[in-house]
Protein backbone atom coordinates (compact mmCIF):
# COMPACT_ATOMS: atom_id res chain seq x y z
CA MET A 1 86.55 133.95 69.17
CA ALA A 2 84.55 136.87 70.58
CA GLY A 3 81.26 137.50 68.87
CA ASN A 4 81.22 134.33 66.73
CA ARG A 5 78.37 131.92 66.14
CA GLY A 6 78.11 128.67 68.01
CA ALA A 7 78.86 126.91 64.73
CA ASP A 8 82.14 128.84 64.48
CA LEU A 9 83.11 127.87 68.02
CA LEU A 10 82.31 124.26 67.18
CA CYS A 11 84.48 124.19 64.06
CA GLN A 12 87.36 126.12 65.63
CA THR A 13 87.36 123.66 68.52
CA LEU A 14 87.42 120.72 66.12
CA LYS A 15 90.31 122.24 64.18
CA THR A 16 92.30 123.02 67.32
CA ALA A 17 91.76 119.43 68.45
CA GLY A 18 93.30 118.18 65.20
CA ILE A 19 90.20 117.40 63.14
CA ARG A 20 90.86 118.36 59.52
CA ARG A 21 88.15 116.32 57.78
CA ILE A 22 84.47 115.62 58.46
CA PHE A 23 82.36 112.93 56.80
CA THR A 24 78.94 114.39 56.17
CA LEU A 25 75.66 114.58 54.30
CA SER A 26 73.93 117.94 54.07
CA GLY A 27 70.60 118.88 55.62
CA ASN A 28 68.70 121.90 56.93
CA HIS A 29 69.86 121.68 60.52
CA ILE A 30 73.58 121.65 59.85
CA MET A 31 74.02 124.36 57.21
CA PRO A 32 75.60 126.70 59.78
CA VAL A 33 78.30 124.07 60.38
CA PHE A 34 78.97 123.76 56.64
CA ASP A 35 79.38 127.54 56.50
CA ALA A 36 81.67 127.64 59.54
CA ALA A 37 83.81 124.78 58.22
CA LEU A 38 84.82 126.98 55.27
CA ASP A 39 86.42 129.55 57.54
CA ALA A 40 87.96 126.89 59.77
CA GLY A 41 89.59 125.14 56.83
CA ILE A 42 87.95 121.79 57.59
CA GLU A 43 87.33 119.55 54.58
CA LEU A 44 83.83 118.19 54.15
CA VAL A 45 83.61 114.77 52.49
CA HIS A 46 80.02 114.80 51.30
CA VAL A 47 78.56 111.32 50.83
CA ARG A 48 75.30 109.75 49.61
CA HIS A 49 73.80 108.24 52.78
CA GLU A 50 74.07 109.14 56.45
CA ALA A 51 75.12 105.64 57.51
CA ALA A 52 78.05 105.92 55.10
CA CYS A 53 79.24 109.02 57.02
CA VAL A 54 79.56 106.96 60.18
CA HIS A 55 81.12 103.96 58.42
CA MET A 56 83.74 106.24 56.85
CA ALA A 57 84.50 107.89 60.17
CA ASP A 58 84.73 104.42 61.73
CA ALA A 59 87.31 103.13 59.25
CA TYR A 60 89.22 106.42 59.28
CA ALA A 61 89.44 106.32 63.08
CA ARG A 62 90.63 102.71 63.07
CA LEU A 63 93.32 103.38 60.48
CA THR A 64 94.60 106.67 61.93
CA GLY A 65 94.20 105.82 65.61
CA ALA A 66 92.59 109.22 66.24
CA PRO A 67 88.97 110.29 66.69
CA ALA A 68 87.01 110.90 63.49
CA VAL A 69 83.86 112.94 63.02
CA ALA A 70 80.61 112.29 61.14
CA LEU A 71 78.07 115.08 60.68
CA VAL A 72 74.43 114.53 59.70
CA THR A 73 71.20 116.46 59.80
CA GLY A 74 68.54 115.93 62.44
CA GLY A 75 65.47 113.72 62.52
CA PRO A 76 65.54 111.10 59.76
CA GLY A 77 69.16 111.93 58.92
CA HIS A 78 70.14 111.15 62.49
CA ALA A 79 68.03 107.99 62.44
CA ASN A 80 69.80 106.80 59.28
CA ALA A 81 73.19 107.29 60.93
CA VAL A 82 72.55 105.68 64.30
CA GLY A 83 72.52 102.07 63.12
CA ALA A 84 76.08 102.42 61.82
CA LEU A 85 77.27 103.42 65.29
CA TYR A 86 76.89 99.81 66.43
CA THR A 87 79.62 98.63 64.07
CA ALA A 88 81.92 101.38 65.38
CA GLN A 89 81.01 100.55 68.96
CA MET A 90 81.89 96.87 68.63
CA ALA A 91 85.03 97.70 66.62
CA GLU A 92 86.15 100.03 69.45
CA ALA A 93 86.55 102.95 67.04
CA PRO A 94 86.66 106.52 68.44
CA VAL A 95 83.91 108.13 66.35
CA VAL A 96 82.01 111.33 67.15
CA LEU A 97 78.60 111.64 65.51
CA LEU A 98 77.33 115.22 65.33
CA SER A 99 73.64 115.48 64.47
CA GLY A 100 71.62 118.58 63.71
CA HIS A 101 68.66 119.03 66.03
CA ALA A 102 65.49 121.05 66.40
CA PRO A 103 66.01 124.38 68.25
CA ASN A 104 66.15 124.12 72.03
CA ASP A 105 63.50 126.82 72.33
CA GLN A 106 61.04 124.69 70.30
CA ILE A 107 61.51 121.36 72.06
CA GLY A 108 58.16 119.88 73.04
CA LEU A 109 56.25 122.16 70.68
CA GLY A 110 56.30 119.85 67.67
CA ALA A 111 59.32 121.38 65.93
CA PHE A 112 60.36 120.31 62.42
CA GLN A 113 61.92 116.82 62.64
CA GLU A 114 61.90 116.99 66.42
CA MET A 115 63.09 113.66 67.80
CA ARG A 116 64.54 112.23 71.00
CA GLN A 117 67.88 111.88 69.29
CA ALA A 118 70.15 111.48 72.32
CA GLU A 119 67.98 108.67 73.67
CA MET A 120 67.98 106.95 70.27
CA ALA A 121 71.79 106.94 70.03
CA ALA A 122 72.51 106.13 73.67
CA PRO A 123 72.47 102.30 73.41
CA VAL A 124 75.20 102.34 70.73
CA ALA A 125 77.37 105.13 72.14
CA LYS A 126 79.64 105.65 75.12
CA ALA A 127 77.80 108.91 75.76
CA SER A 128 74.97 110.78 74.05
CA TRP A 129 73.54 114.22 74.79
CA THR A 130 72.15 117.43 73.32
CA SER A 131 74.07 120.68 73.58
CA ALA A 132 72.42 123.26 75.84
CA GLY A 133 73.41 126.30 73.76
CA ALA A 134 76.06 128.20 71.85
CA ASP A 135 78.28 128.77 74.89
CA ALA A 136 78.43 125.03 75.55
CA LEU A 137 79.29 123.86 72.05
CA GLY A 138 83.08 124.12 72.36
CA THR A 139 83.18 122.28 75.67
CA ASP A 140 80.71 119.73 74.37
CA ILE A 141 82.75 118.81 71.32
CA ALA A 142 86.01 118.68 73.30
CA ARG A 143 84.32 116.43 75.85
CA ALA A 144 82.94 114.19 73.08
CA LEU A 145 86.39 113.75 71.55
CA GLY A 146 87.86 112.96 74.96
CA ILE A 147 85.24 110.34 75.80
CA ALA A 148 85.56 108.70 72.39
CA ARG A 149 89.27 108.03 72.82
CA ALA A 150 89.37 107.32 76.60
CA GLY A 151 89.42 103.82 78.08
CA ARG A 152 87.94 101.38 75.57
CA PRO A 153 87.50 103.65 72.52
CA GLY A 154 84.07 103.96 71.01
CA PRO A 155 81.47 106.26 69.48
CA VAL A 156 79.96 109.33 71.11
CA HIS A 157 76.92 111.26 69.92
CA LEU A 158 76.24 115.00 70.30
CA SER A 159 73.10 116.72 68.99
CA LEU A 160 73.44 120.32 67.79
CA PRO A 161 70.29 122.46 68.14
CA THR A 162 70.02 124.99 65.35
CA ASP A 163 69.55 127.91 67.72
CA ALA A 164 72.82 126.94 69.45
CA LEU A 165 74.62 126.92 66.10
CA ASP A 166 73.24 130.30 65.02
CA ALA A 167 73.48 132.18 68.34
CA THR A 168 76.43 134.44 69.11
CA THR A 169 78.90 133.41 71.80
CA GLU A 170 81.83 135.09 73.52
CA VAL A 171 83.33 131.78 74.71
CA ALA A 172 86.88 131.00 73.59
CA VAL A 173 88.18 127.68 72.29
CA ASN A 174 89.31 125.28 75.02
CA ILE A 175 90.19 121.68 74.16
CA ASP A 176 91.36 120.52 77.60
CA ALA A 177 88.53 117.99 77.78
CA ALA A 178 89.62 116.42 74.48
CA HIS A 179 92.75 114.92 76.01
CA ALA A 180 92.01 112.22 78.56
CA ALA A 181 94.98 110.76 80.41
CA PRO A 182 95.30 107.00 79.81
CA ALA A 183 94.81 104.54 82.65
CA VAL A 184 98.20 102.87 82.98
CA LEU A 185 99.14 99.51 84.42
CA PRO A 186 101.40 99.85 87.50
CA ASP A 187 104.88 98.38 87.08
CA GLN A 188 104.49 95.99 89.99
CA THR A 189 101.21 94.66 88.61
CA ALA A 190 102.77 94.24 85.16
CA ALA A 191 105.69 92.33 86.65
CA THR A 192 103.33 90.08 88.63
CA ILE A 193 101.27 89.29 85.55
CA MET A 194 104.27 88.50 83.37
CA SER A 195 105.81 86.26 86.02
CA TRP A 196 102.51 84.38 86.30
CA LEU A 197 102.21 84.08 82.53
CA ALA A 198 105.77 82.76 82.14
CA GLY A 199 104.98 80.06 84.72
CA GLY A 200 102.47 78.43 82.40
CA ALA A 201 103.29 75.58 80.06
CA ARG A 202 100.96 76.92 77.35
CA PRO A 203 100.31 80.63 78.04
CA LEU A 204 98.37 82.97 75.76
CA VAL A 205 97.50 86.66 75.59
CA LEU A 206 94.23 87.67 73.92
CA THR A 207 93.40 91.24 72.90
CA GLY A 208 90.29 92.88 71.48
CA PRO A 209 89.67 95.02 68.38
CA GLU A 210 91.47 98.13 69.69
CA ALA A 211 94.78 96.27 69.35
CA MET A 212 94.11 95.17 65.76
CA GLN A 213 95.33 98.27 63.92
CA ARG A 214 98.79 99.77 63.36
CA ALA A 215 99.70 100.80 66.92
CA GLY A 216 98.04 97.75 68.44
CA ASN A 217 99.66 95.36 65.98
CA ALA A 218 103.08 96.77 66.86
CA ALA A 219 102.33 96.49 70.58
CA ARG A 220 101.19 92.88 70.21
CA ARG A 221 104.29 91.92 68.24
CA ALA A 222 106.58 93.62 70.76
CA LEU A 223 105.05 91.73 73.67
CA ALA A 224 105.12 88.40 71.83
CA ASP A 225 108.78 88.87 70.92
CA ALA A 226 109.79 89.99 74.41
CA ALA A 227 107.93 87.23 76.25
CA GLY A 228 107.99 84.40 73.71
CA VAL A 229 104.25 84.06 74.29
CA PRO A 230 101.52 84.09 71.60
CA VAL A 231 99.62 87.40 71.60
CA VAL A 232 96.49 86.99 69.51
CA GLY A 233 94.03 89.71 68.50
CA MET A 234 90.35 88.93 68.03
CA GLU A 235 87.90 91.16 66.12
CA SER A 236 85.68 88.76 64.19
CA PRO A 237 81.98 88.01 64.76
CA ARG A 238 82.97 84.37 64.23
CA GLY A 239 84.96 84.47 67.47
CA THR A 240 87.47 81.65 67.79
CA ALA A 241 86.13 80.29 64.47
CA ASP A 242 87.50 83.37 62.70
CA PRO A 243 88.93 81.81 59.51
CA SER A 244 91.80 84.31 59.47
CA LEU A 245 92.98 82.63 62.69
CA GLY A 246 93.25 79.22 61.03
CA ALA A 247 93.15 76.38 63.56
CA PHE A 248 93.65 78.71 66.54
CA ALA A 249 90.54 77.49 68.37
CA GLN A 250 92.18 74.11 68.86
CA MET A 251 95.23 75.73 70.47
CA LEU A 252 93.19 78.03 72.70
CA ALA A 253 91.48 74.98 74.14
CA LEU A 254 94.93 73.68 75.19
CA ALA A 255 96.09 76.91 76.90
CA ASP A 256 96.68 76.65 80.65
CA ARG A 257 97.08 80.38 81.38
CA VAL A 258 95.33 83.14 79.44
CA LEU A 259 95.71 86.89 79.92
CA LEU A 260 92.85 89.01 78.55
CA VAL A 261 93.95 92.54 77.61
CA GLY A 262 90.89 94.55 76.62
CA LYS A 263 89.28 91.34 75.38
CA ARG A 264 85.62 91.00 76.26
CA VAL A 265 84.36 87.75 77.75
CA ASP A 266 81.42 87.55 75.38
CA PHE A 267 80.01 85.30 72.66
CA THR A 268 83.32 85.41 70.76
CA LEU A 269 84.86 83.35 73.59
CA ARG A 270 81.63 81.37 74.05
CA PHE A 271 81.24 83.27 77.33
CA GLY A 272 84.49 81.75 78.60
CA LYS A 273 83.80 78.18 77.50
CA ALA A 274 86.29 78.43 74.60
CA LEU A 275 88.96 78.02 77.31
CA SER A 276 89.46 74.69 79.06
CA ALA A 277 87.88 74.15 82.46
CA ALA A 278 91.38 73.95 83.97
CA CYS A 279 92.69 77.17 82.41
CA GLU A 280 93.63 80.01 84.76
CA VAL A 281 92.89 83.59 83.70
CA MET A 282 94.04 87.13 84.39
CA GLN A 283 92.32 90.20 83.02
CA ILE A 284 93.20 93.81 82.23
CA ASP A 285 90.21 95.93 81.24
CA THR A 286 88.97 99.48 81.76
CA GLU A 287 85.30 98.54 82.21
CA SER A 288 83.76 97.24 85.43
CA LEU A 289 81.18 95.30 83.40
CA GLU A 290 83.95 93.21 81.89
CA HIS A 291 85.37 92.43 85.33
CA THR A 292 81.92 91.23 86.38
CA ARG A 293 81.59 89.06 83.28
CA ALA A 294 85.01 87.51 83.84
CA ARG A 295 84.25 86.69 87.47
CA ARG A 296 80.98 85.09 86.43
CA ALA A 297 82.63 83.07 83.66
CA PHE A 298 85.77 81.89 85.45
CA GLY A 299 85.05 82.03 89.18
CA GLU A 300 88.13 81.12 91.25
CA ARG A 301 90.14 80.53 88.09
CA LEU A 302 90.26 84.33 87.63
CA ARG A 303 93.53 85.02 89.45
CA LEU A 304 93.64 88.79 88.89
CA SER A 305 91.37 91.42 87.38
CA THR A 306 92.66 94.97 87.10
CA GLY A 307 91.91 98.18 85.24
CA ALA A 308 94.11 99.82 82.58
CA ASP A 309 93.87 100.92 78.96
CA ALA A 310 94.82 98.19 76.52
CA LEU A 311 97.69 99.77 74.57
CA PRO A 312 99.52 101.27 77.57
CA ALA A 313 99.02 97.94 79.35
CA LEU A 314 100.66 96.03 76.49
CA ALA A 315 103.63 98.41 76.64
CA ALA A 316 103.98 97.93 80.42
CA LEU A 317 103.79 94.15 80.06
CA THR A 318 106.51 94.26 77.40
CA ARG A 319 108.82 96.21 79.71
CA HIS A 320 108.41 93.55 82.38
CA ALA A 321 108.39 90.50 80.14
CA THR A 322 109.85 87.28 81.49
CA ARG A 323 111.00 85.09 78.63
CA ALA A 324 109.13 81.80 78.21
CA ALA A 325 111.52 79.16 76.89
CA SER A 326 109.34 76.75 74.93
CA GLY A 327 108.10 75.97 71.42
CA TRP A 328 104.51 76.84 72.32
CA ARG A 329 104.50 80.16 70.50
CA ALA A 330 105.71 78.49 67.30
CA GLU A 331 102.95 75.88 67.63
CA VAL A 332 100.27 78.55 67.96
CA ASP A 333 101.71 80.58 65.08
CA ALA A 334 101.68 77.48 62.89
CA ALA A 335 98.07 76.73 63.81
CA ILE A 336 97.01 80.29 62.94
CA ALA A 337 98.84 80.07 59.60
CA TYR A 338 97.35 76.67 58.76
CA ARG A 339 95.03 76.40 55.77
CA PRO A 340 93.69 73.08 54.47
CA PRO A 341 95.83 71.77 51.58
CA GLU A 342 92.73 71.06 49.53
CA TRP A 343 92.30 74.83 49.14
CA ASP A 344 95.31 74.78 46.82
CA VAL A 345 93.33 72.78 44.26
CA ALA A 346 89.86 74.20 44.95
CA ARG A 347 87.84 74.72 41.80
CA ALA A 348 84.30 75.87 41.12
CA GLY A 349 81.72 73.21 40.33
CA THR A 350 79.80 75.47 37.95
CA PRO A 351 80.94 76.68 34.50
CA GLU A 352 82.07 80.31 34.31
CA ARG A 353 82.33 80.55 38.09
CA LEU A 354 85.27 80.71 40.49
CA HIS A 355 85.69 79.01 43.80
CA PRO A 356 86.05 81.72 46.49
CA VAL A 357 89.70 80.74 47.00
CA GLU A 358 90.34 81.40 43.30
CA ALA A 359 88.61 84.77 43.67
CA CYS A 360 90.74 85.81 46.63
CA ARG A 361 94.28 84.46 46.53
CA PRO A 362 95.47 86.23 43.34
CA LEU A 363 94.78 89.57 45.05
CA GLN A 364 97.57 89.02 47.57
CA ALA A 365 100.03 90.24 44.93
CA LEU A 366 98.39 93.70 44.98
CA LEU A 367 98.44 93.86 48.76
CA ASP A 368 102.12 92.89 48.83
CA THR A 369 103.16 95.86 46.69
CA HIS A 370 103.07 98.46 49.48
CA PRO A 371 103.88 98.49 53.22
CA ASP A 372 100.68 100.45 53.96
CA ALA A 373 98.26 98.43 51.82
CA VAL A 374 94.74 98.09 53.21
CA LEU A 375 92.48 95.05 52.97
CA VAL A 376 88.76 95.70 53.42
CA SER A 377 86.52 92.68 53.91
CA ASP A 378 82.75 92.91 54.18
CA GLY A 379 79.97 90.40 53.83
CA GLY A 380 78.89 86.98 54.97
CA GLU A 381 80.40 83.81 53.51
CA PHE A 382 82.56 85.50 50.83
CA GLY A 383 83.92 87.94 53.41
CA GLN A 384 85.10 84.99 55.51
CA TRP A 385 86.93 83.49 52.55
CA ALA A 386 88.61 86.85 51.96
CA GLN A 387 89.80 87.03 55.56
CA ALA A 388 91.04 83.44 55.43
CA CYS A 389 92.95 83.86 52.17
CA LEU A 390 94.38 87.38 52.35
CA SER A 391 96.48 89.50 54.68
CA ALA A 392 97.67 93.10 54.65
CA PRO A 393 99.53 95.57 56.89
CA SER A 394 96.13 97.12 57.71
CA ARG A 395 92.76 95.40 57.67
CA VAL A 396 89.25 96.80 58.14
CA ILE A 397 86.41 94.30 58.56
CA ASN A 398 82.82 94.49 59.75
CA GLY A 399 84.06 93.47 63.21
CA VAL A 400 82.38 91.93 66.20
CA ALA A 401 79.08 93.62 65.32
CA GLY A 402 78.72 91.28 62.36
CA ALA A 403 76.81 93.95 60.42
CA ILE A 404 77.36 93.99 56.67
CA GLY A 405 77.19 96.79 54.12
CA ALA A 406 80.07 99.06 55.15
CA GLY A 407 82.65 97.84 52.64
CA LEU A 408 82.50 100.69 50.12
CA PRO A 409 82.49 103.46 52.76
CA PHE A 410 85.38 101.65 54.47
CA ALA A 411 87.30 101.63 51.18
CA LEU A 412 86.84 105.36 50.62
CA ALA A 413 88.00 106.16 54.14
CA ALA A 414 90.97 103.85 53.73
CA ARG A 415 92.01 105.71 50.59
CA LEU A 416 91.91 109.00 52.52
CA ALA A 417 93.82 107.53 55.46
CA ARG A 418 96.43 105.79 53.27
CA PRO A 419 96.61 108.02 50.17
CA GLY A 420 99.60 106.31 48.57
CA ALA A 421 98.76 102.68 49.22
CA PRO A 422 96.55 100.19 47.37
CA VAL A 423 93.12 99.62 48.89
CA VAL A 424 91.54 96.27 48.02
CA ALA A 425 87.97 95.70 49.18
CA LEU A 426 86.29 92.31 48.95
CA MET A 427 82.56 92.08 49.49
CA GLY A 428 79.60 89.91 48.64
CA ASP A 429 77.01 90.95 46.10
CA GLY A 430 74.45 91.47 48.85
CA THR A 431 76.63 93.79 50.88
CA PHE A 432 77.72 95.74 47.78
CA GLY A 433 74.15 96.91 47.33
CA PHE A 434 73.95 98.75 50.66
CA HIS A 435 76.15 101.68 49.62
CA ALA A 436 76.84 101.19 45.91
CA MET A 437 76.22 104.90 45.23
CA GLU A 438 79.30 105.79 47.24
CA ILE A 439 81.13 105.08 43.99
CA ASP A 440 79.78 108.51 43.04
CA THR A 441 81.43 109.93 46.17
CA ALA A 442 84.69 108.22 45.21
CA MET A 443 84.54 109.76 41.75
CA ARG A 444 83.84 113.26 43.07
CA TYR A 445 86.76 113.11 45.52
CA ARG A 446 89.09 111.10 43.24
CA LEU A 447 89.42 108.17 45.61
CA PRO A 448 90.53 105.10 43.66
CA PHE A 449 90.27 101.59 45.06
CA VAL A 450 89.80 98.04 43.81
CA ALA A 451 86.53 96.42 44.86
CA VAL A 452 86.04 92.72 44.21
CA VAL A 453 82.41 91.67 44.37
CA GLY A 454 81.96 87.95 44.91
CA ASN A 455 78.75 87.46 42.95
CA ASP A 456 76.90 84.23 43.80
CA ALA A 457 73.49 85.84 43.22
CA ARG A 458 72.21 85.25 46.73
CA TRP A 459 72.43 86.17 50.38
CA ASN A 460 74.66 83.17 50.89
CA ALA A 461 75.10 83.24 54.68
CA GLU A 462 71.35 82.98 55.19
CA TYR A 463 71.02 80.51 52.31
CA GLN A 464 73.51 78.24 54.08
CA ILE A 465 71.55 78.55 57.35
CA GLN A 466 68.36 77.52 55.54
CA LEU A 467 70.14 74.63 53.85
CA ARG A 468 71.55 73.30 57.13
CA ALA A 469 68.50 73.89 59.31
CA TYR A 470 65.56 73.28 57.00
CA GLY A 471 66.86 71.39 53.96
CA PRO A 472 67.07 72.07 50.21
CA GLN A 473 63.28 72.15 49.80
CA ARG A 474 62.93 75.10 52.21
CA LEU A 475 65.18 77.68 50.50
CA VAL A 476 63.28 80.95 50.23
CA GLY A 477 63.85 84.70 50.19
CA CYS A 478 67.64 84.72 49.76
CA GLU A 479 67.89 84.97 45.98
CA LEU A 480 69.50 87.83 44.08
CA ALA A 481 69.97 88.45 40.38
CA PRO A 482 73.44 87.85 38.88
CA SER A 483 73.67 91.59 38.26
CA ARG A 484 76.46 93.35 36.39
CA TYR A 485 77.87 95.46 39.20
CA ASP A 486 80.89 96.23 37.01
CA ARG A 487 78.59 98.11 34.64
CA LEU A 488 77.21 100.14 37.53
CA ALA A 489 80.74 101.28 38.36
CA ALA A 490 81.38 102.18 34.73
CA ALA A 491 78.09 104.09 34.50
CA LEU A 492 79.22 106.26 37.42
CA GLY A 493 82.56 106.96 35.74
CA GLY A 494 84.64 104.24 37.34
CA HIS A 495 86.36 101.14 36.02
CA GLY A 496 84.46 97.85 35.80
CA GLU A 497 85.21 94.33 34.57
CA LEU A 498 83.40 91.02 34.61
CA VAL A 499 85.47 87.98 35.66
CA THR A 500 84.20 84.48 34.95
CA ALA A 501 87.45 82.46 34.91
CA ALA A 502 90.24 82.10 37.45
CA GLY A 503 92.92 82.95 34.89
CA GLU A 504 91.32 86.35 34.27
CA LEU A 505 91.43 87.69 37.81
CA ALA A 506 95.08 88.70 38.27
CA GLY A 507 95.14 90.68 35.04
CA ALA A 508 91.80 92.32 35.78
CA ALA A 509 93.05 93.35 39.22
CA ARG A 510 96.20 94.89 37.75
CA ARG A 511 94.15 96.84 35.21
CA ALA A 512 91.78 98.00 37.93
CA LEU A 513 94.64 99.30 40.06
CA ALA A 514 96.32 100.96 37.07
CA SER A 515 93.10 102.71 36.06
CA GLY A 516 93.42 105.16 38.94
CA LEU A 517 89.63 105.02 39.28
CA PRO A 518 87.16 103.50 41.69
CA ALA A 519 87.11 99.99 40.21
CA VAL A 520 84.68 97.10 40.56
CA LEU A 521 85.56 93.57 39.50
CA ASN A 522 82.33 91.59 39.28
CA VAL A 523 83.61 88.07 39.97
CA MET A 524 81.12 85.27 39.43
CA ILE A 525 81.61 82.68 42.18
CA ASP A 526 80.18 79.44 43.45
CA GLY A 527 78.11 80.01 46.59
CA ALA A 528 80.34 78.01 48.92
CA PRO A 529 79.74 78.05 52.68
CA ALA A 530 82.24 79.97 54.80
CA PRO A 531 85.48 78.10 55.54
CA GLN A 532 85.84 76.16 58.77
CA VAL A 533 89.52 75.57 59.40
CA THR A 534 90.48 72.53 61.45
CA ARG A 535 93.46 70.23 61.27
CA ALA A 536 94.22 66.77 62.50
CA GLY A 537 95.94 66.54 65.85
CA PRO A 538 96.46 69.34 68.39
């Protein structure tokens, strides 16, 4: 590495750490990194908006389980990217955002696009700082990768001053800081927890978003099978009302012992009130803030609160599982699987429209064709119907952040992460508009997917709020045109079809998949409110 630029040190460190692909949008500040990436053999996926870089890195990190990198220019480019970090933060995705930056030797002098970038990103990142110079760049990027994956995973931001990228350095690549040792759960503690859990009549384990992808899903299943206890993952902004969890909220209210493994005690649990006042709780979490929240929420009912990383903790609990002999797990599983029978006959009330159930359920056949199929769901009310009606081996949703607009970038990243599997993305017409031009990116990189746009010609989540809170005479500002989004896809070189009848959808979906192109099915739907799944009895 002797005598190389800081940009070369940066890219060689990334490559040595296992980064083979960067999601990026070009700009003045980061041209040295583009140049260095050529020699390092790192692929640049060049997109149409800086926020899309972060969303793609977010989905790619979730699906691969490894840190992913987004690279944007400084100033306004950085500002465009920062908002997307919040979705990654709440999804617990190990993302590293690299932002170009004014030269260190011009800071405070009014440099071109000079901005307090680290301070801007800090609230939505685990760590955020500006590199001090070329010699520090290798250590900085290794440290950023290590922080992103350690403890509760999440995004990290590093600003790259242009003089640091261009200056010569003699420093060699060292990625020691990129590999943080996990915090493990001691065997005795794991045995104590599992003995306590098995002593309950209706025990439950709740996990957070980190345990909602491939490795986490396997760990949750292993623990549930070993202990005979329901192990339920939560990643929805709807909390216990997550429609993909069916009637789970009713069962959670009956639980007498709940173990939280990396599950925040936040609004998704109604700050603890989703559990009964008699329920006892134990907690495993890496963050002291979460221990404080749990103590505040549960008081003396919090029997144990200890620190460990979520996935290693699930493995330790599985090794020390004590079998619970009851039908409780089957009851909870049945509640999660429950969907109201009236959905089976749901029909739209408007001609040439589909009920959201009719727009979703036929797509399950595509997702069932491959063991690595990916379901992407994004949007307000339509996104909730998608999550309620469909399942897949891998799922990427907007997550606890509740921010919409990431669906198309998620789909592109999913195609890269799962190159041989179908990717089906469902999104509302409002959310489709955030990053519609990423269809151009998909065409340039040959990334086919099937996008289903539920077109009700309005921002339906907000429309429903207005309808409930203010009445039908106070509906304002939530209207959209019934636009032909399928034609937009076709204009950019992709495949597009309009669907106005339930019987058309399955065939259109098959043609979209067979096209081998980025495909948009513009499905005209009734603007139904999001599903609320309850059932009679416990």
